[in-house]
Amino acid sequence: MNRLVKGVALGAGILGLAVGYLVLRAPHRAAPREIRVASSPEILDRGKFLYEVVADCDGCHGDRNWDQQLAPVRRSGAGFRFPAEMGLPGTVVASNITSDPVAGIGAWSDGEKLRAIREGIGRDGRTLFPMMPYESYRHMSDRDAEALVAYLNTLPPAKDQRQRTAIDFPVSVLMKSAPAPVEGTVSELADRGEYLVKMGGCADCHTPKERGAPVEGKEFAGGEVFRFGKFTVVAANITPDVETGIGRMTEAAFVRRFQEYREYAQAPLPEATRKNFTVMPWLAFSRYSAEELGAIYRYLRHQKAVANQVTVHPES
């Protein structure tokens, strides 16, 4: 009996040490680069396109009017707290990323901004919640990452003091495994479509999740539910499945589906309703060229077809 008690005590002690290690351990991180990014009209134009279109930064970090369809941006980079209805593991806040030195990131060095974007480490060394797609942005080329930071440096300051993200246990511990330093030179991926899909975070929204982790084998299959107040929308299946995905859609139809929003955006946007509510960045992605959208289409058509019927606008 004594040996049993000692064994239980030893096991509990080892478990306690393991849990303590996981809780206290720091994420894998490196010091931020000592760099001051270059700035020129051409670099800022590229950075603006990355911010507004490719990465759709205001999709999360913008102050948006959710009462209108497509939730147009009112103030760029001012930050946003995700609603509790989304069922996230804690309080998740997209930070104020304007040039304000107190409420925003104006006091951050360019190296700290680059590290946050591509490595998932905040200025204070904490792990950023992986809803910020830094695991995809690891593939962002050095040229693009630096252009994006150059543009961030020009965002008008917003004084909005946002609440800090606070993630519940055990996700708060598990997510420490997500960050990783970017090593060496990063060039743009050879497949243009793959690069744009990764930078756009398409898999992050269109892959269903269980306990916060993507469901293996259902990449791009849709089904992820987004609840914003009284509205609910479900991400579509964008795999090449013929019956439930985009398998019957031609490249021309795919391009047209996005670019039709160019004209739509010129008129006053209607009130958001259950049937038209969306978190898909149609306004941003409508600005892609036909060549860029074609590259995205061809990349998606080469992914695994997954049969998954999705009702984008459920009744409740």
C-alpha atoms as a PDB file:
ATOM      1  CA  MET A   1       0.000   0.000   0.000  1.00  0.00           C
ATOM      2  CA  ASN A   2       2.845   2.370   0.865  1.00  0.00           C
ATOM      3  CA  ARG A   3       4.412   1.704  -2.507  1.00  0.00           C
ATOM      4  CA  LEU A   4       1.083   2.435  -4.207  1.00  0.00           C
ATOM      5  CA  VAL A   5       0.709   5.709  -2.344  1.00  0.00           C
ATOM      6  CA  LYS A   6       4.278   6.672  -3.166  1.00  0.00           C
ATOM      7  CA  GLY A   7       3.719   5.752  -6.803  1.00  0.00           C
ATOM      8  CA  VAL A   8       0.570   7.863  -7.025  1.00  0.00           C
ATOM      9  CA  ALA A   9       2.350  10.758  -5.323  1.00  0.00           C
ATOM     10  CA  LEU A  10       5.316  10.437  -7.685  1.00  0.00           C
ATOM     11  CA  GLY A  11       3.032  10.328 -10.702  1.00  0.00           C
ATOM     12  CA  ALA A  12       1.124  13.370  -9.505  1.00  0.00           C
ATOM     13  CA  GLY A  13       4.387  15.199  -8.922  1.00  0.00           C
ATOM     14  CA  ILE A  14       5.670  14.416 -12.404  1.00  0.00           C
ATOM     15  CA  LEU A  15       2.341  15.473 -13.917  1.00  0.00           C
ATOM     16  CA  GLY A  16       2.447  18.695 -11.927  1.00  0.00           C
ATOM     17  CA  LEU A  17       5.962  19.429 -13.137  1.00  0.00           C
ATOM     18  CA  ALA A  18       4.939  18.733 -16.731  1.00  0.00           C
ATOM     19  CA  VAL A  19       1.917  21.017 -16.496  1.00  0.00           C
ATOM     20  CA  GLY A  20       4.002  23.677 -14.800  1.00  0.00           C
ATOM     21  CA  TYR A  21       6.590  23.475 -17.571  1.00  0.00           C
ATOM     22  CA  LEU A  22       3.944  23.826 -20.272  1.00  0.00           C
ATOM     23  CA  VAL A  23       2.344  26.788 -18.539  1.00  0.00           C
ATOM     24  CA  LEU A  24       5.582  28.627 -17.815  1.00  0.00           C
ATOM     25  CA  ARG A  25       7.543  27.826 -20.949  1.00  0.00           C
ATOM     26  CA  ALA A  26       8.154  30.579 -23.464  1.00  0.00           C
ATOM     27  CA  PRO A  27       7.252  30.153 -27.141  1.00  0.00           C
ATOM     28  CA  HIS A  28      10.017  29.460 -29.637  1.00  0.00           C
ATOM     29  CA  ARG A  29      11.142  32.935 -30.526  1.00  0.00           C
ATOM     30  CA  ALA A  30      14.073  34.957 -31.741  1.00  0.00           C
ATOM     31  CA  ALA A  31      15.016  38.576 -31.185  1.00  0.00           C
ATOM     32  CA  PRO A  32      13.409  40.973 -33.669  1.00  0.00           C
ATOM     33  CA  ARG A  33      15.543  42.001 -36.613  1.00  0.00           C
ATOM     34  CA  GLU A  34      17.360  45.278 -36.389  1.00  0.00           C
ATOM     35  CA  ILE A  35      15.944  46.850 -39.509  1.00  0.00           C
ATOM     36  CA  ARG A  36      14.394  50.057 -40.720  1.00  0.00           C
ATOM     37  CA  VAL A  37      12.295  49.229 -43.749  1.00  0.00           C
ATOM     38  CA  ALA A  38      12.753  51.210 -46.919  1.00  0.00           C
ATOM     39  CA  SER A  39       9.973  53.479 -48.121  1.00  0.00           C
ATOM     40  CA  SER A  40       9.211  54.845 -51.568  1.00  0.00           C
ATOM     41  CA  PRO A  41       6.031  55.515 -53.560  1.00  0.00           C
ATOM     42  CA  GLU A  42       6.380  52.095 -55.221  1.00  0.00           C
ATOM     43  CA  ILE A  43       6.955  50.283 -51.903  1.00  0.00           C
ATOM     44  CA  LEU A  44       4.026  52.058 -50.260  1.00  0.00           C
ATOM     45  CA  ASP A  45       1.748  51.212 -53.190  1.00  0.00           C
ATOM     46  CA  ARG A  46       2.690  47.553 -52.816  1.00  0.00           C
ATOM     47  CA  GLY A  47       2.232  47.708 -49.047  1.00  0.00           C
ATOM     48  CA  LYS A  48      -1.182  49.332 -49.427  1.00  0.00           C
ATOM     49  CA  PHE A  49      -2.285  46.580 -51.837  1.00  0.00           C
ATOM     50  CA  LEU A  50      -1.033  43.910 -49.437  1.00  0.00           C
ATOM     51  CA  TYR A  51      -2.798  45.558 -46.502  1.00  0.00           C
ATOM     52  CA  GLU A  52      -6.111  46.236 -48.229  1.00  0.00           C
ATOM     53  CA  VAL A  53      -6.370  43.289 -50.623  1.00  0.00           C
ATOM     54  CA  VAL A  54      -3.925  40.387 -50.327  1.00  0.00           C
ATOM     55  CA  ALA A  55      -3.843  40.045 -46.535  1.00  0.00           C
ATOM     56  CA  ASP A  56      -7.091  41.984 -45.959  1.00  0.00           C
ATOM     57  CA  CYS A  57      -5.720  43.303 -42.658  1.00  0.00           C
ATOM     58  CA  ASP A  58      -8.785  45.448 -42.050  1.00  0.00           C
ATOM     59  CA  GLY A  59     -10.908  42.306 -42.235  1.00  0.00           C
ATOM     60  CA  CYS A  60      -9.938  41.805 -38.590  1.00  0.00           C
ATOM     61  CA  HIS A  61      -8.134  44.966 -37.489  1.00  0.00           C
ATOM     62  CA  GLY A  62     -10.460  47.534 -39.047  1.00  0.00           C
ATOM     63  CA  ASP A  63     -13.311  49.338 -37.345  1.00  0.00           C
ATOM     64  CA  ARG A  64     -16.145  48.157 -39.593  1.00  0.00           C
ATOM     65  CA  ASN A  65     -19.833  48.882 -39.962  1.00  0.00           C
ATOM     66  CA  TRP A  66     -21.420  45.487 -39.350  1.00  0.00           C
ATOM     67  CA  ASP A  67     -24.899  46.922 -39.884  1.00  0.00           C
ATOM     68  CA  GLN A  68     -24.201  47.161 -43.626  1.00  0.00           C
ATOM     69  CA  GLN A  69     -23.717  44.277 -46.007  1.00  0.00           C
ATOM     70  CA  LEU A  70     -20.011  43.451 -46.460  1.00  0.00           C
ATOM     71  CA  ALA A  71     -19.210  45.493 -43.323  1.00  0.00           C
ATOM     72  CA  PRO A  72     -17.296  48.372 -44.960  1.00  0.00           C
ATOM     73  CA  VAL A  73     -14.331  49.790 -43.083  1.00  0.00           C
ATOM     74  CA  ARG A  74     -14.925  53.019 -41.180  1.00  0.00           C
ATOM     75  CA  ARG A  75     -11.443  53.443 -39.694  1.00  0.00           C
ATOM     76  CA  SER A  76      -8.478  51.477 -40.850  1.00  0.00           C
ATOM     77  CA  GLY A  77      -6.488  49.508 -38.293  1.00  0.00           C
ATOM     78  CA  ALA A  78      -8.360  50.779 -35.213  1.00  0.00           C
ATOM     79  CA  GLY A  79      -8.899  47.257 -33.848  1.00  0.00           C
ATOM     80  CA  PHE A  80     -11.856  44.979 -33.162  1.00  0.00           C
ATOM     81  CA  ARG A  81     -13.062  42.650 -30.420  1.00  0.00           C
ATOM     82  CA  PHE A  82     -14.534  39.440 -31.797  1.00  0.00           C
ATOM     83  CA  PRO A  83     -18.029  38.723 -30.481  1.00  0.00           C
ATOM     84  CA  ALA A  84     -18.562  36.098 -27.793  1.00  0.00           C
ATOM     85  CA  GLU A  85     -21.093  34.345 -30.066  1.00  0.00           C
ATOM     86  CA  MET A  86     -18.215  33.029 -32.156  1.00  0.00           C
ATOM     87  CA  GLY A  87     -17.351  30.591 -29.386  1.00  0.00           C
ATOM     88  CA  LEU A  88     -13.659  31.448 -29.306  1.00  0.00           C
ATOM     89  CA  PRO A  89     -11.550  30.138 -26.391  1.00  0.00           C
ATOM     90  CA  GLY A  90     -11.494  33.377 -24.447  1.00  0.00           C
ATOM     91  CA  THR A  91     -11.479  37.061 -25.303  1.00  0.00           C
ATOM     92  CA  VAL A  92      -9.958  37.621 -28.741  1.00  0.00           C
ATOM     93  CA  VAL A  93      -9.120  41.155 -29.828  1.00  0.00           C
ATOM     94  CA  ALA A  94      -7.562  42.242 -33.101  1.00  0.00           C
ATOM     95  CA  SER A  95      -5.207  44.955 -31.919  1.00  0.00           C
ATOM     96  CA  ASN A  96      -5.081  48.595 -32.873  1.00  0.00           C
ATOM     97  CA  ILE A  97      -2.309  48.541 -35.485  1.00  0.00           C
ATOM     98  CA  THR A  98      -2.279  52.221 -36.357  1.00  0.00           C
ATOM     99  CA  SER A  99       0.718  54.504 -35.864  1.00  0.00           C
ATOM    100  CA  ASP A 100      -0.542  55.766 -32.496  1.00  0.00           C
ATOM    101  CA  PRO A 101       2.395  55.249 -30.091  1.00  0.00           C
ATOM    102  CA  VAL A 102       0.198  54.351 -27.101  1.00  0.00           C
ATOM    103  CA  ALA A 103      -2.993  52.725 -28.357  1.00  0.00           C
ATOM    104  CA  GLY A 104      -1.412  51.360 -31.524  1.00  0.00           C
ATOM    105  CA  ILE A 105       1.997  50.094 -32.642  1.00  0.00           C
ATOM    106  CA  GLY A 106       3.634  53.424 -33.407  1.00  0.00           C
ATOM    107  CA  ALA A 107       6.296  52.821 -30.758  1.00  0.00           C
ATOM    108  CA  TRP A 108       7.207  49.390 -32.109  1.00  0.00           C
ATOM    109  CA  SER A 109      10.366  48.959 -34.146  1.00  0.00           C
ATOM    110  CA  ASP A 110      10.054  47.736 -37.721  1.00  0.00           C
ATOM    111  CA  GLY A 111      11.726  44.498 -36.648  1.00  0.00           C
ATOM    112  CA  GLU A 112       9.107  43.957 -33.942  1.00  0.00           C
ATOM    113  CA  LYS A 113       6.331  44.484 -36.477  1.00  0.00           C
ATOM    114  CA  LEU A 114       7.912  42.002 -38.883  1.00  0.00           C
ATOM    115  CA  ARG A 115       8.278  39.451 -36.090  1.00  0.00           C
ATOM    116  CA  ALA A 116       4.633  39.807 -35.074  1.00  0.00           C
ATOM    117  CA  ILE A 117       3.380  39.431 -38.656  1.00  0.00           C
ATOM    118  CA  ARG A 118       5.443  36.403 -39.656  1.00  0.00           C
ATOM    119  CA  GLU A 119       6.439  34.765 -36.371  1.00  0.00           C
ATOM    120  CA  GLY A 120       3.491  35.382 -34.041  1.00  0.00           C
ATOM    121  CA  ILE A 121       5.376  37.114 -31.237  1.00  0.00           C
ATOM    122  CA  GLY A 122       4.196  40.386 -29.734  1.00  0.00           C
ATOM    123  CA  ARG A 123       6.467  43.215 -28.724  1.00  0.00           C
ATOM    124  CA  ASP A 124       6.422  41.941 -25.134  1.00  0.00           C
ATOM    125  CA  GLY A 125       7.356  38.398 -26.167  1.00  0.00           C
ATOM    126  CA  ARG A 126       3.904  36.874 -25.769  1.00  0.00           C
ATOM    127  CA  THR A 127       2.365  34.419 -28.207  1.00  0.00           C
ATOM    128  CA  LEU A 128      -0.228  35.932 -30.542  1.00  0.00           C
ATOM    129  CA  PHE A 129      -3.448  33.929 -30.864  1.00  0.00           C
ATOM    130  CA  PRO A 130      -3.133  31.955 -34.149  1.00  0.00           C
ATOM    131  CA  MET A 131      -6.339  33.490 -35.477  1.00  0.00           C
ATOM    132  CA  MET A 132      -3.742  35.997 -36.641  1.00  0.00           C
ATOM    133  CA  PRO A 133      -2.504  33.900 -39.593  1.00  0.00           C
ATOM    134  CA  TYR A 134       1.216  34.213 -38.930  1.00  0.00           C
ATOM    135  CA  GLU A 135       1.681  30.521 -39.705  1.00  0.00           C
ATOM    136  CA  SER A 136       0.682  31.409 -43.289  1.00  0.00           C
ATOM    137  CA  TYR A 137       2.506  34.742 -43.242  1.00  0.00           C
ATOM    138  CA  ARG A 138       5.746  32.863 -42.561  1.00  0.00           C
ATOM    139  CA  HIS A 139       5.664  32.367 -46.334  1.00  0.00           C
ATOM    140  CA  MET A 140       5.290  36.093 -47.004  1.00  0.00           C
ATOM    141  CA  SER A 141       8.342  37.189 -48.956  1.00  0.00           C
ATOM    142  CA  ASP A 142      10.817  39.563 -47.370  1.00  0.00           C
ATOM    143  CA  ARG A 143       9.946  42.138 -50.021  1.00  0.00           C
ATOM    144  CA  ASP A 144       6.232  41.973 -49.272  1.00  0.00           C
ATOM    145  CA  ALA A 145       6.596  41.828 -45.491  1.00  0.00           C
ATOM    146  CA  GLU A 146       8.783  44.931 -45.488  1.00  0.00           C
ATOM    147  CA  ALA A 147       6.427  46.752 -47.858  1.00  0.00           C
ATOM    148  CA  LEU A 148       3.520  45.909 -45.565  1.00  0.00           C
ATOM    149  CA  VAL A 149       5.363  47.322 -42.544  1.00  0.00           C
ATOM    150  CA  ALA A 150       6.256  50.448 -44.521  1.00  0.00           C
ATOM    151  CA  TYR A 151       2.548  50.980 -45.199  1.00  0.00           C
ATOM    152  CA  LEU A 152       1.564  50.227 -41.593  1.00  0.00           C
ATOM    153  CA  ASN A 153       3.891  53.039 -40.554  1.00  0.00           C
ATOM    154  CA  THR A 154       1.698  55.472 -42.504  1.00  0.00           C
ATOM    155  CA  LEU A 155      -1.689  54.509 -40.995  1.00  0.00           C
ATOM    156  CA  PRO A 156      -3.245  57.546 -39.298  1.00  0.00           C
ATOM    157  CA  PRO A 157      -3.209  57.148 -35.510  1.00  0.00           C
ATOM    158  CA  ALA A 158      -6.373  55.963 -33.795  1.00  0.00           C
ATOM    159  CA  LYS A 159      -6.695  56.506 -30.042  1.00  0.00           C
ATOM    160  CA  ASP A 160      -8.839  53.405 -29.425  1.00  0.00           C
ATOM    161  CA  GLN A 161      -7.435  51.500 -26.444  1.00  0.00           C
ATOM    162  CA  ARG A 162      -8.361  47.881 -27.114  1.00  0.00           C
ATOM    163  CA  GLN A 163      -8.700  45.193 -24.480  1.00  0.00           C
ATOM    164  CA  ARG A 164      -5.876  42.676 -24.533  1.00  0.00           C
ATOM    165  CA  THR A 165      -6.534  39.175 -25.846  1.00  0.00           C
ATOM    166  CA  ALA A 166      -6.960  36.657 -23.007  1.00  0.00           C
ATOM    167  CA  ILE A 167      -7.086  32.991 -24.035  1.00  0.00           C
ATOM    168  CA  ASP A 168      -8.477  30.285 -21.769  1.00  0.00           C
ATOM    169  CA  PHE A 169      -6.531  27.253 -20.565  1.00  0.00           C
ATOM    170  CA  PRO A 170      -5.544  24.834 -22.121  1.00  0.00           C
ATOM    171  CA  VAL A 171      -5.537  26.683 -25.475  1.00  0.00           C
ATOM    172  CA  SER A 172      -3.403  29.401 -23.885  1.00  0.00           C
ATOM    173  CA  VAL A 173      -0.714  26.762 -23.315  1.00  0.00           C
ATOM    174  CA  LEU A 174      -1.118  24.768 -26.510  1.00  0.00           C
ATOM    175  CA  MET A 175      -0.871  27.822 -28.766  1.00  0.00           C
ATOM    176  CA  LYS A 176       2.680  28.462 -27.558  1.00  0.00           C
ATOM    177  CA  SER A 177       3.749  25.802 -30.067  1.00  0.00           C
ATOM    178  CA  ALA A 178       2.526  27.880 -33.021  1.00  0.00           C
ATOM    179  CA  PRO A 179       5.216  30.600 -33.288  1.00  0.00           C
ATOM    180  CA  ALA A 180       8.543  29.888 -34.942  1.00  0.00           C
ATOM    181  CA  PRO A 181      11.356  32.178 -36.091  1.00  0.00           C
ATOM    182  CA  VAL A 182      11.700  32.889 -39.801  1.00  0.00           C
ATOM    183  CA  GLU A 183      15.148  31.843 -40.867  1.00  0.00           C
ATOM    184  CA  GLY A 184      17.062  32.963 -43.923  1.00  0.00           C
ATOM    185  CA  THR A 185      15.720  34.768 -46.966  1.00  0.00           C
ATOM    186  CA  VAL A 186      12.057  34.278 -47.846  1.00  0.00           C
ATOM    187  CA  SER A 187      11.103  34.566 -51.496  1.00  0.00           C
ATOM    188  CA  GLU A 188       7.624  34.449 -52.973  1.00  0.00           C
ATOM    189  CA  LEU A 189       6.332  30.920 -53.573  1.00  0.00           C
ATOM    190  CA  ALA A 190       6.754  29.772 -57.158  1.00  0.00           C
ATOM    191  CA  ASP A 191       3.037  28.999 -57.488  1.00  0.00           C
ATOM    192  CA  ARG A 192       1.369  32.407 -57.587  1.00  0.00           C
ATOM    193  CA  GLY A 193      -2.009  30.944 -56.687  1.00  0.00           C
ATOM    194  CA  GLU A 194      -0.624  29.129 -53.656  1.00  0.00           C
ATOM    195  CA  TYR A 195       1.047  32.331 -52.479  1.00  0.00           C
ATOM    196  CA  LEU A 196      -2.142  34.373 -52.725  1.00  0.00           C
ATOM    197  CA  VAL A 197      -4.233  31.646 -51.058  1.00  0.00           C
ATOM    198  CA  LYS A 198      -1.806  31.486 -48.129  1.00  0.00           C
ATOM    199  CA  MET A 199      -1.575  35.261 -47.801  1.00  0.00           C
ATOM    200  CA  GLY A 200      -5.363  35.577 -48.011  1.00  0.00           C
ATOM    201  CA  GLY A 201      -5.903  33.031 -45.234  1.00  0.00           C
ATOM    202  CA  CYS A 202      -8.394  31.096 -47.353  1.00  0.00           C
ATOM    203  CA  ALA A 203      -7.816  27.849 -45.449  1.00  0.00           C
ATOM    204  CA  ASP A 204      -8.222  29.604 -42.096  1.00  0.00           C
ATOM    205  CA  CYS A 205     -11.874  30.398 -42.807  1.00  0.00           C
ATOM    206  CA  HIS A 206     -12.814  27.620 -45.233  1.00  0.00           C
ATOM    207  CA  THR A 207     -11.465  24.678 -43.214  1.00  0.00           C
ATOM    208  CA  PRO A 208     -13.726  23.442 -40.396  1.00  0.00           C
ATOM    209  CA  LYS A 209     -12.242  23.263 -36.914  1.00  0.00           C
ATOM    210  CA  GLU A 210     -12.673  21.147 -33.833  1.00  0.00           C
ATOM    211  CA  ARG A 211     -11.443  22.513 -30.503  1.00  0.00           C
ATOM    212  CA  GLY A 212      -9.735  25.298 -32.407  1.00  0.00           C
ATOM    213  CA  ALA A 213      -7.684  22.988 -34.659  1.00  0.00           C
ATOM    214  CA  PRO A 214      -8.332  22.426 -38.399  1.00  0.00           C
ATOM    215  CA  VAL A 215      -9.995  19.086 -39.139  1.00  0.00           C
ATOM    216  CA  GLU A 216      -7.460  16.934 -40.983  1.00  0.00           C
ATOM    217  CA  GLY A 217      -8.627  15.869 -44.415  1.00  0.00           C
ATOM    218  CA  LYS A 218     -11.189  18.683 -44.735  1.00  0.00           C
ATOM    219  CA  GLU A 219      -8.935  21.482 -45.953  1.00  0.00           C
ATOM    220  CA  PHE A 220     -11.013  24.095 -47.829  1.00  0.00           C
ATOM    221  CA  ALA A 221     -14.171  21.974 -47.377  1.00  0.00           C
ATOM    222  CA  GLY A 222     -16.137  24.735 -45.639  1.00  0.00           C
ATOM    223  CA  GLY A 223     -18.470  24.386 -42.701  1.00  0.00           C
ATOM    224  CA  GLU A 224     -16.782  26.790 -40.279  1.00  0.00           C
ATOM    225  CA  VAL A 225     -19.514  28.800 -38.554  1.00  0.00           C
ATOM    226  CA  PHE A 226     -19.242  32.558 -37.948  1.00  0.00           C
ATOM    227  CA  ARG A 227     -21.720  34.185 -35.564  1.00  0.00           C
ATOM    228  CA  PHE A 228     -21.844  37.955 -35.321  1.00  0.00           C
ATOM    229  CA  GLY A 229     -24.644  39.136 -33.067  1.00  0.00           C
ATOM    230  CA  LYS A 230     -27.960  38.172 -34.659  1.00  0.00           C
ATOM    231  CA  PHE A 231     -26.314  36.907 -37.870  1.00  0.00           C
ATOM    232  CA  THR A 232     -24.776  33.540 -38.716  1.00  0.00           C
ATOM    233  CA  VAL A 233     -22.862  32.626 -41.858  1.00  0.00           C
ATOM    234  CA  VAL A 234     -21.065  29.395 -42.760  1.00  0.00           C
ATOM    235  CA  ALA A 235     -17.917  29.223 -44.900  1.00  0.00           C
ATOM    236  CA  ALA A 236     -18.498  27.616 -48.286  1.00  0.00           C
ATOM    237  CA  ASN A 237     -16.844  24.477 -49.627  1.00  0.00           C
ATOM    238  CA  ILE A 238     -14.180  25.677 -52.098  1.00  0.00           C
ATOM    239  CA  THR A 239     -12.645  22.285 -52.896  1.00  0.00           C
ATOM    240  CA  PRO A 240     -13.051  20.949 -56.470  1.00  0.00           C
ATOM    241  CA  ASP A 241     -15.843  18.591 -55.420  1.00  0.00           C
ATOM    242  CA  VAL A 242     -18.380  18.596 -58.261  1.00  0.00           C
ATOM    243  CA  GLU A 243     -21.532  18.381 -56.168  1.00  0.00           C
ATOM    244  CA  THR A 244     -20.742  20.464 -53.076  1.00  0.00           C
ATOM    245  CA  GLY A 245     -17.691  22.545 -54.019  1.00  0.00           C
ATOM    246  CA  ILE A 246     -16.487  24.569 -56.992  1.00  0.00           C
ATOM    247  CA  GLY A 247     -15.979  21.587 -59.306  1.00  0.00           C
ATOM    248  CA  ARG A 248     -18.584  22.800 -61.809  1.00  0.00           C
ATOM    249  CA  MET A 249     -17.409  26.421 -61.778  1.00  0.00           C
ATOM    250  CA  THR A 250     -15.292  27.574 -64.714  1.00  0.00           C
ATOM    251  CA  GLU A 251     -12.315  29.877 -64.269  1.00  0.00           C
ATOM    252  CA  ALA A 252     -14.188  32.662 -66.055  1.00  0.00           C
ATOM    253  CA  ALA A 253     -17.152  32.283 -63.688  1.00  0.00           C
ATOM    254  CA  PHE A 254     -14.835  32.277 -60.669  1.00  0.00           C
ATOM    255  CA  VAL A 255     -13.175  35.498 -61.803  1.00  0.00           C
ATOM    256  CA  ARG A 256     -16.521  37.106 -62.572  1.00  0.00           C
ATOM    257  CA  ARG A 257     -17.910  36.109 -59.151  1.00  0.00           C
ATOM    258  CA  PHE A 258     -15.266  38.265 -57.486  1.00  0.00           C
ATOM    259  CA  GLN A 259     -14.949  41.133 -59.896  1.00  0.00           C
ATOM    260  CA  GLU A 260     -18.682  41.837 -60.008  1.00  0.00           C
ATOM    261  CA  TYR A 261     -18.227  43.401 -56.584  1.00  0.00           C
ATOM    262  CA  ARG A 262     -16.201  46.219 -58.140  1.00  0.00           C
ATOM    263  CA  GLU A 263     -19.376  47.708 -59.548  1.00  0.00           C
ATOM    264  CA  TYR A 264     -21.403  46.682 -56.511  1.00  0.00           C
ATOM    265  CA  ALA A 265     -19.072  48.645 -54.226  1.00  0.00           C
ATOM    266  CA  GLN A 266     -19.753  51.881 -56.095  1.00  0.00           C
ATOM    267  CA  ALA A 267     -23.385  51.996 -54.949  1.00  0.00           C
ATOM    268  CA  PRO A 268     -24.535  52.524 -51.347  1.00  0.00           C
ATOM    269  CA  LEU A 269     -24.326  49.188 -49.558  1.00  0.00           C
ATOM    270  CA  PRO A 270     -27.628  47.788 -48.294  1.00  0.00           C
ATOM    271  CA  GLU A 271     -28.442  46.953 -44.700  1.00  0.00           C
ATOM    272  CA  ALA A 272     -27.054  43.638 -43.486  1.00  0.00           C
ATOM    273  CA  THR A 273     -29.658  40.878 -43.289  1.00  0.00           C
ATOM    274  CA  ARG A 274     -29.634  37.180 -42.474  1.00  0.00           C
ATOM    275  CA  LYS A 275     -29.596  36.338 -46.186  1.00  0.00           C
ATOM    276  CA  ASN A 276     -26.810  38.691 -47.279  1.00  0.00           C
ATOM    277  CA  PHE A 277     -24.541  38.772 -44.223  1.00  0.00           C
ATOM    278  CA  THR A 278     -20.986  37.655 -44.967  1.00  0.00           C
ATOM    279  CA  VAL A 279     -17.461  37.819 -43.564  1.00  0.00           C
ATOM    280  CA  MET A 280     -15.962  36.964 -46.952  1.00  0.00           C
ATOM    281  CA  PRO A 281     -13.797  39.931 -48.097  1.00  0.00           C
ATOM    282  CA  TRP A 282     -15.547  40.374 -51.443  1.00  0.00           C
ATOM    283  CA  LEU A 283     -14.805  44.095 -51.620  1.00  0.00           C
ATOM    284  CA  ALA A 284     -11.074  43.556 -51.061  1.00  0.00           C
ATOM    285  CA  PHE A 285     -10.654  40.528 -53.313  1.00  0.00           C
ATOM    286  CA  SER A 286     -12.676  42.128 -56.119  1.00  0.00           C
ATOM    287  CA  ARG A 287      -9.624  44.311 -56.726  1.00  0.00           C
ATOM    288  CA  TYR A 288      -7.522  41.347 -57.830  1.00  0.00           C
ATOM    289  CA  SER A 289      -6.718  41.143 -61.526  1.00  0.00           C
ATOM    290  CA  ALA A 290      -8.201  38.378 -63.655  1.00  0.00           C
ATOM    291  CA  GLU A 291      -4.738  36.788 -63.797  1.00  0.00           C
ATOM    292  CA  GLU A 292      -4.434  36.725 -60.001  1.00  0.00           C
ATOM    293  CA  LEU A 293      -7.919  35.320 -59.503  1.00  0.00           C
ATOM    294  CA  GLY A 294      -7.234  32.737 -62.196  1.00  0.00           C
ATOM    295  CA  ALA A 295      -4.103  31.635 -60.347  1.00  0.00           C
ATOM    296  CA  ILE A 296      -6.123  31.250 -57.122  1.00  0.00           C
ATOM    297  CA  TYR A 297      -8.773  29.243 -58.991  1.00  0.00           C
ATOM    298  CA  ARG A 298      -6.217  26.887 -60.538  1.00  0.00           C
ATOM    299  CA  TYR A 299      -4.540  26.296 -57.183  1.00  0.00           C
ATOM    300  CA  LEU A 300      -7.858  25.456 -55.526  1.00  0.00           C
ATOM    301  CA  ARG A 301      -8.786  23.119 -58.384  1.00  0.00           C
ATOM    302  CA  HIS A 302      -5.633  21.102 -57.625  1.00  0.00           C
ATOM    303  CA  GLN A 303      -6.618  20.525 -53.987  1.00  0.00           C
ATOM    304  CA  LYS A 304      -8.336  17.369 -52.769  1.00  0.00           C
ATOM    305  CA  ALA A 305     -12.054  17.266 -53.539  1.00  0.00           C
ATOM    306  CA  VAL A 306     -14.060  16.863 -50.331  1.00  0.00           C
ATOM    307  CA  ALA A 307     -17.795  16.194 -50.353  1.00  0.00           C
ATOM    308  CA  ASN A 308     -19.288  18.524 -47.750  1.00  0.00           C
ATOM    309  CA  GLN A 309     -22.666  20.128 -48.327  1.00  0.00           C
ATOM    310  CA  VAL A 310     -22.792  23.593 -46.747  1.00  0.00           C
ATOM    311  CA  THR A 311     -25.725  25.918 -46.180  1.00  0.00           C
ATOM    312  CA  VAL A 312     -24.041  29.314 -46.205  1.00  0.00           C
ATOM    313  CA  HIS A 313     -27.004  31.193 -44.727  1.00  0.00           C
ATOM    314  CA  PRO A 314     -28.768  28.843 -42.295  1.00  0.00           C
ATOM    315  CA  GLU A 315     -32.248  29.604 -41.010  1.00  0.00           C
ATOM    316  CA  SER A 316     -30.935  30.075 -37.486  1.00  0.00           C
END
